[in-house]
Structures are given as structure tokens and as C-alpha cells.
Amino acid sequence: MSGDDHQQYLDDQSDEIEALQAIFMDEQFQILDVDTLETTTAQRLKLHNAADDAAAAYRITVVPEEPDEEPPEIPQRLGLLFAYPPTYPDVPPLIVCQSEQGISKTDLANIETHLHDEALANVGMAMMFTLANAAKDWLREHANLDVGEMEDEAARKKKELAEEERLAKARRAAGIQVTKETFEDWHTRFEAERALAKALAPDAAERAERAKRMTGRAYFEKRRGEAVEAELEDDEEDFDLDDLDDEDDLLDDLEALVEEEGVSTLASS
């Protein structure tokens, strides 16, 4: 490439930057400080190989709504970063899309693909304003889908926070290391033990009631013991000292009879 050609490319690029500054407000168009860019972004814009005096990068902030329109419930802001290859506009610009607000990584990748196709269709002419409008149209066409995805993402994060809070409470209560897996294992065992205890509760109550009741054998032995005690008490009540006196008298009579019989026997002999 001759010196004249190189200068012509630089002039074309400078003219486009002046036009973009005139079209967009200050907050929408920025000349970036190359030294502050993330390494990955700088590499994608191929600024790490450029000479210091030639390294330049720019940002256009794109929103889907028109200036006189109300912003959507979930706003979206796209950062369209770009840099010029030496032979731009005869080759596409280098582009990196970043989410300033409300745009998913998937959508960023889709927007970059869409802008790359648009750039190929506009090779040979200044195209950054065209690409900015293409990005704006893409956001407007996919606004409803983006809102739904953002709502799903918000719901997912809310669920994750609730789960983390529950696990934190479990850790504080147990005083041990608790993970989602260990908590779920404990909760499953806890529910199973509680269900088993509930199922066995009627049987336990029935066993306790049976324990209170006397078995047939015990009842029989108790009744028999009571009968024996009653009989002994009756015998004690019927016993009289006079009966002993009567028995003594009987023995005296018997002894007297024996003596008489003995005397008679001796006399006859």
C-alpha cells in the first residue's frame, strides 16, 4: 500500500469519526482510552499490535427506543465498540459488543453476528452509522424476547438466593459444614423418619394400653390369691380358745380311762 493510499484511508476514517460526533450526543459517542481497555477487548480490536500513535478505539451507545419514546420496563443499552483496520472501509471494522444494561451474552453474540453480516454488505463505504442503526433495529425486534429472558434470569437468581439463605440457616442450626447435597440428604431422611414415627404412633399407643390391662393369667392368679387369703381369714375368725379347752378335757377323760383299764387288768391277774 502506497503512502497516498494509506493517507486516504486515514482521511476517510477521520471524516467518519467527525460525522459520528456530530450525529450522536456526547454520552452516546466516546473516544476510548486504549490503555484502560480490558486485555481481551483490546486483543479483539487488535489494538495490542498497533503503533501507539495509531491505536484508537471508539464506543457508540445504542438504545432500542427513539428519543421521544418512553424507555421499556427493563431498559437495554448496547455498547458498540469498534476500531479501524488500516484499510477500512475496504474491509469491515473490528467490532466488540458489550452490554451496558439488560442484554444477555447470547444476545450479544447474535448481535455481533448480525453486524458482521451487515458490514460485509457495506464494504467500500463508511458504515459505522449504518451498523449502529442495524444494532438498534435488532434490539427493537427482539425487545419482547429480551424482557422475557431477563425476567426468567431474575426469577432464577431469586430462587438461587433463597436456596443459599436456606442452606445458611441449616449451617447455623447444625453447626457443621452443609452443602446443597448434604442438606437434601438430611431433609430426605428427616421426612422419612417423621413419616415412620407417625405410622407407628397408633401401634405404640395400643401397646401402652395393653400394658395397662391385666393378662388372663395374672387375673386368675390374683383371684386365687385373694381366695386363699379369704379362707385363712375365715379360719382365724372361727378359731376359739374354748375349743382348746374342750380338747384338753377330752384328753383328760382318755387318760383316766386308760388308768382304770390298767388297774382292772392287774386285779384280775
Protein backbone atom coordinates (compact mmCIF):
# COMPACT_ATOMS: atom_id res chain seq x y z
CA MET A 1 0.00 0.00 0.00
CA SER A 2 1.44 3.35 -1.07
CA GLY A 3 1.75 6.34 1.17
CA ASP A 4 -1.04 8.13 -0.67
CA ASP A 5 -3.38 5.18 -0.25
CA HIS A 6 -2.57 4.94 3.43
CA GLN A 7 -3.27 8.62 3.93
CA GLN A 8 -6.53 8.32 2.05
CA TYR A 9 -7.71 5.59 4.40
CA LEU A 10 -6.77 7.72 7.41
CA ASP A 11 -8.65 10.69 5.98
CA ASP A 12 -11.76 8.58 5.34
CA GLN A 13 -11.66 7.24 8.86
CA SER A 14 -11.17 10.70 10.37
CA ASP A 15 -14.07 12.10 8.36
CA GLU A 16 -16.35 9.34 9.61
CA ILE A 17 -15.40 9.99 13.24
CA GLU A 18 -16.24 13.68 12.82
CA ALA A 19 -19.61 12.75 11.31
CA LEU A 20 -20.40 10.36 14.16
CA GLN A 21 -19.52 13.02 16.74
CA ALA A 22 -21.92 15.39 15.02
CA ILE A 23 -24.74 12.81 14.85
CA PHE A 24 -24.56 11.38 18.36
CA MET A 25 -24.64 13.25 21.64
CA ASP A 26 -21.56 13.25 23.85
CA GLU A 27 -22.91 10.49 26.10
CA GLN A 28 -23.61 8.30 23.06
CA PHE A 29 -20.24 8.54 21.35
CA GLN A 30 -16.89 8.24 23.09
CA ILE A 31 -13.26 8.06 22.08
CA LEU A 32 -11.87 5.38 24.35
CA ASP A 33 -8.62 5.35 26.28
CA VAL A 34 -6.90 2.33 24.82
CA ASP A 35 -4.76 1.82 27.92
CA THR A 36 -7.85 1.27 30.09
CA LEU A 37 -9.45 -1.40 27.92
CA GLU A 38 -9.60 -4.98 29.13
CA THR A 39 -6.95 -7.18 27.59
CA THR A 40 -9.49 -9.41 25.86
CA THR A 41 -11.30 -6.43 24.34
CA ALA A 42 -8.04 -4.85 23.18
CA GLN A 43 -6.99 -8.12 21.57
CA ARG A 44 -10.28 -8.50 19.74
CA LEU A 45 -9.92 -4.94 18.41
CA LYS A 46 -6.29 -5.77 17.53
CA LEU A 47 -5.04 -2.75 19.41
CA HIS A 48 -2.21 -4.65 21.09
CA ASN A 49 -0.33 -4.85 17.77
CA ALA A 50 -0.99 -1.29 16.63
CA ALA A 51 1.56 1.50 16.91
CA ASP A 52 0.94 3.81 19.85
CA ASP A 53 0.11 6.77 17.65
CA ALA A 54 -2.27 4.72 15.52
CA ALA A 55 -4.11 2.87 18.28
CA ALA A 56 -7.65 4.18 18.57
CA ALA A 57 -10.98 2.77 19.66
CA TYR A 58 -14.47 4.17 19.90
CA ARG A 59 -17.79 3.41 21.54
CA ILE A 60 -21.32 4.08 20.33
CA THR A 61 -24.06 3.54 22.92
CA VAL A 62 -27.16 2.10 21.26
CA VAL A 63 -30.65 2.00 22.80
CA PRO A 64 -33.72 0.46 21.13
CA GLU A 65 -36.15 3.33 21.76
CA GLU A 66 -36.36 6.61 19.91
CA PRO A 67 -35.58 9.86 21.80
CA ASP A 68 -39.29 10.73 22.13
CA GLU A 69 -40.30 7.23 23.32
CA GLU A 70 -40.69 6.04 26.89
CA PRO A 71 -37.96 3.61 27.94
CA PRO A 72 -39.12 0.00 28.36
CA GLU A 73 -39.78 -1.56 31.76
CA ILE A 74 -36.42 -3.30 31.54
CA PRO A 75 -34.06 -0.86 29.76
CA GLN A 76 -31.41 -2.07 27.33
CA ARG A 77 -28.17 -0.35 26.43
CA LEU A 78 -25.63 -1.76 24.00
CA GLY A 79 -22.02 -0.65 23.89
CA LEU A 80 -20.81 -0.91 20.29
CA LEU A 81 -17.01 -0.77 20.45
CA PHE A 82 -15.07 -0.54 17.20
CA ALA A 83 -11.65 0.10 15.75
CA TYR A 84 -10.45 0.64 12.20
CA PRO A 85 -8.17 -1.77 10.37
CA PRO A 86 -5.59 0.09 8.26
CA THR A 87 -7.55 -0.41 5.02
CA TYR A 88 -11.06 0.40 6.34
CA PRO A 89 -13.60 0.92 4.73
CA ASP A 90 -12.40 -1.57 2.13
CA VAL A 91 -12.56 -4.17 4.90
CA PRO A 92 -15.09 -4.48 7.75
CA PRO A 93 -14.35 -2.67 11.03
CA LEU A 94 -13.35 -4.61 14.14
CA ILE A 95 -16.35 -4.81 16.46
CA VAL A 96 -16.98 -5.84 20.07
CA CYS A 97 -20.47 -5.70 21.58
CA GLN A 98 -20.84 -5.15 25.32
CA SER A 99 -23.93 -4.99 27.49
CA GLU A 100 -24.23 -1.71 29.34
CA GLN A 101 -27.63 -2.78 30.66
CA GLY A 102 -30.10 -5.63 30.23
CA ILE A 103 -28.55 -7.62 27.35
CA SER A 104 -27.62 -11.28 27.72
CA LYS A 105 -24.40 -12.87 26.48
CA THR A 106 -26.37 -14.89 23.98
CA ASP A 107 -27.91 -11.74 22.51
CA LEU A 108 -24.52 -10.04 22.38
CA ALA A 109 -23.16 -12.90 20.29
CA ASN A 110 -26.19 -12.78 18.00
CA ILE A 111 -25.86 -9.01 17.54
CA GLU A 112 -22.19 -9.32 16.63
CA THR A 113 -23.01 -11.96 14.03
CA HIS A 114 -25.76 -9.75 12.60
CA LEU A 115 -23.45 -6.71 12.42
CA HIS A 116 -20.69 -8.74 10.79
CA ASP A 117 -23.09 -9.72 8.00
CA GLU A 118 -24.17 -6.08 7.62
CA ALA A 119 -20.55 -4.94 7.45
CA LEU A 120 -19.75 -7.38 4.66
CA ALA A 121 -22.69 -5.97 2.72
CA ASN A 122 -21.36 -2.40 3.11
CA VAL A 123 -17.67 -2.87 2.36
CA GLY A 124 -16.23 0.10 0.43
CA MET A 125 -18.19 2.83 2.23
CA ALA A 126 -18.28 4.40 5.69
CA MET A 127 -20.61 2.12 7.61
CA MET A 128 -20.50 2.72 11.38
CA PHE A 129 -23.69 4.77 11.44
CA THR A 130 -25.37 2.03 9.39
CA LEU A 131 -24.14 -0.63 11.79
CA ALA A 132 -25.35 1.36 14.81
CA ASN A 133 -28.81 1.55 13.26
CA ALA A 134 -28.72 -2.18 12.47
CA ALA A 135 -27.95 -2.88 16.14
CA LYS A 136 -30.81 -0.61 17.20
CA ASP A 137 -33.25 -2.39 14.88
CA TRP A 138 -32.15 -5.77 16.20
CA LEU A 139 -32.80 -4.66 19.77
CA ARG A 140 -36.24 -3.34 18.86
CA GLU A 141 -37.19 -6.56 17.08
CA HIS A 142 -36.06 -8.71 20.00
CA ALA A 143 -37.18 -6.43 22.82
CA ASN A 144 -40.05 -8.68 23.98
CA LEU A 145 -37.85 -11.76 23.91
CA ASP A 146 -35.17 -9.97 25.88
CA VAL A 147 -37.65 -8.85 28.52
CA GLY A 148 -38.89 -12.41 28.97
CA GLU A 149 -35.35 -13.72 29.24
CA MET A 150 -34.42 -11.04 31.76
CA GLU A 151 -37.47 -11.89 33.84
CA ASP A 152 -36.50 -15.57 33.75
CA GLU A 153 -32.97 -14.66 34.79
CA ALA A 154 -34.28 -12.53 37.66
CA ALA A 155 -36.52 -15.39 38.82
CA ARG A 156 -33.60 -17.83 38.64
CA LYS A 157 -31.36 -15.54 40.70
CA LYS A 158 -34.14 -15.04 43.26
CA LYS A 159 -34.51 -18.81 43.59
CA GLU A 160 -30.75 -19.25 43.98
CA LEU A 161 -30.61 -16.59 46.71
CA ALA A 162 -33.49 -18.27 48.56
CA GLU A 163 -31.69 -21.62 48.35
CA GLU A 164 -28.45 -20.10 49.62
CA GLU A 165 -30.29 -18.49 52.53
CA ARG A 166 -31.91 -21.81 53.42
CA LEU A 167 -28.55 -23.58 53.38
CA ALA A 168 -27.04 -20.83 55.52
CA LYS A 169 -29.79 -21.28 58.11
CA ALA A 170 -29.17 -25.02 58.10
CA ARG A 171 -25.45 -24.47 58.67
CA ARG A 172 -26.11 -22.14 61.57
CA ALA A 173 -28.59 -24.57 63.12
CA ALA A 174 -26.42 -27.66 62.74
CA GLY A 175 -23.05 -26.04 63.32
CA ILE A 176 -21.47 -28.23 60.64
CA GLN A 177 -20.45 -27.91 57.01
CA VAL A 178 -23.59 -28.08 54.92
CA THR A 179 -23.87 -28.19 51.16
CA LYS A 180 -26.93 -28.37 48.98
CA GLU A 181 -26.40 -32.11 48.56
CA THR A 182 -25.93 -32.85 52.27
CA PHE A 183 -28.91 -30.72 53.19
CA GLU A 184 -31.16 -32.51 50.70
CA ASP A 185 -29.92 -35.87 52.02
CA TRP A 186 -30.64 -34.82 55.62
CA HIS A 187 -34.05 -33.44 54.69
CA THR A 188 -35.00 -36.68 52.91
CA ARG A 189 -34.01 -38.79 55.92
CA PHE A 190 -35.78 -36.40 58.30
CA GLU A 191 -39.04 -36.65 56.36
CA ALA A 192 -38.77 -40.45 56.19
CA GLU A 193 -38.19 -40.74 59.94
CA ARG A 194 -41.07 -38.41 60.68
CA ALA A 195 -43.40 -40.42 58.42
CA LEU A 196 -42.30 -43.68 60.09
CA ALA A 197 -42.89 -42.26 63.57
CA LYS A 198 -46.32 -41.08 62.51
CA ALA A 199 -47.18 -44.50 61.10
CA LEU A 200 -46.04 -46.31 64.26
CA ALA A 201 -47.79 -43.96 66.68
CA PRO A 202 -51.12 -45.93 66.79
CA ASP A 203 -49.27 -49.21 67.43
CA ALA A 204 -47.29 -47.66 70.27
CA ALA A 205 -50.45 -46.31 71.87
CA GLU A 206 -52.12 -49.71 71.58
CA ARG A 207 -49.12 -51.43 73.19
CA ALA A 208 -49.20 -48.96 76.06
CA GLU A 209 -52.90 -49.61 76.57
CA ARG A 210 -52.35 -53.37 76.56
CA ALA A 211 -49.58 -52.96 79.12
CA LYS A 212 -52.03 -51.26 81.44
CA ARG A 213 -54.51 -54.15 81.13
CA MET A 214 -54.02 -57.37 83.24
CA THR A 215 -53.47 -60.59 81.34
CA GLY A 216 -55.82 -63.56 81.91
CA ARG A 217 -53.14 -65.50 83.78
CA ALA A 218 -52.35 -62.60 86.08
CA TYR A 219 -56.03 -62.05 86.72
CA PHE A 220 -56.50 -65.75 87.59
CA GLU A 221 -53.53 -65.81 89.96
CA LYS A 222 -54.68 -62.64 91.63
CA ARG A 223 -58.16 -64.06 92.14
CA ARG A 224 -56.74 -67.30 93.52
CA GLY A 225 -54.52 -65.45 95.94
CA GLU A 226 -57.44 -63.41 97.16
CA ALA A 227 -59.48 -66.60 97.72
CA VAL A 228 -56.70 -68.21 99.79
CA GLU A 229 -56.33 -65.12 101.92
CA ALA A 230 -60.09 -65.02 102.48
CA GLU A 231 -60.13 -68.69 103.56
CA LEU A 232 -57.33 -68.12 106.03
CA GLU A 233 -59.12 -65.15 107.45
CA ASP A 234 -62.29 -67.25 107.86
CA ASP A 235 -60.31 -69.96 109.66
CA GLU A 236 -58.84 -67.42 112.03
CA GLU A 237 -62.24 -65.98 112.75
CA ASP A 238 -63.73 -69.49 113.50
CA PHE A 239 -60.88 -70.49 115.81
CA ASP A 240 -61.86 -70.22 119.56
CA LEU A 241 -59.89 -70.80 122.79
CA ASP A 242 -62.87 -72.69 124.16
CA ASP A 243 -62.22 -75.32 121.50
CA LEU A 244 -58.77 -75.84 123.02
CA ASP A 245 -60.34 -76.31 126.46
CA ASP A 246 -62.71 -78.91 125.08
CA GLU A 247 -59.82 -80.81 123.57
CA ASP A 248 -57.95 -80.73 126.90
CA ASP A 249 -60.97 -82.17 128.69
CA LEU A 250 -61.20 -84.94 126.15
CA LEU A 251 -57.57 -85.88 126.69
CA ASP A 252 -58.08 -85.97 130.48
CA ASP A 253 -61.00 -88.36 130.11
CA LEU A 254 -58.95 -90.57 127.82
CA GLU A 255 -56.10 -90.78 130.28
CA ALA A 256 -58.48 -91.62 133.17
CA LEU A 257 -60.00 -94.41 131.12
CA VAL A 258 -56.61 -95.86 130.35
CA GLU A 259 -55.66 -95.84 134.01
CA GLU A 260 -58.87 -97.57 135.06
CA GLU A 261 -58.43 -100.23 132.42
CA GLY A 262 -54.91 -100.78 133.60
CA VAL A 263 -55.94 -101.24 137.25
CA SER A 264 -58.67 -103.70 136.35
CA THR A 265 -56.26 -105.78 134.37
CA LEU A 266 -53.82 -106.02 137.28
CA ALA A 267 -56.54 -107.06 139.74
CA SER A 268 -57.75 -109.88 137.58
CA SER A 269 -54.27 -111.24 137.18
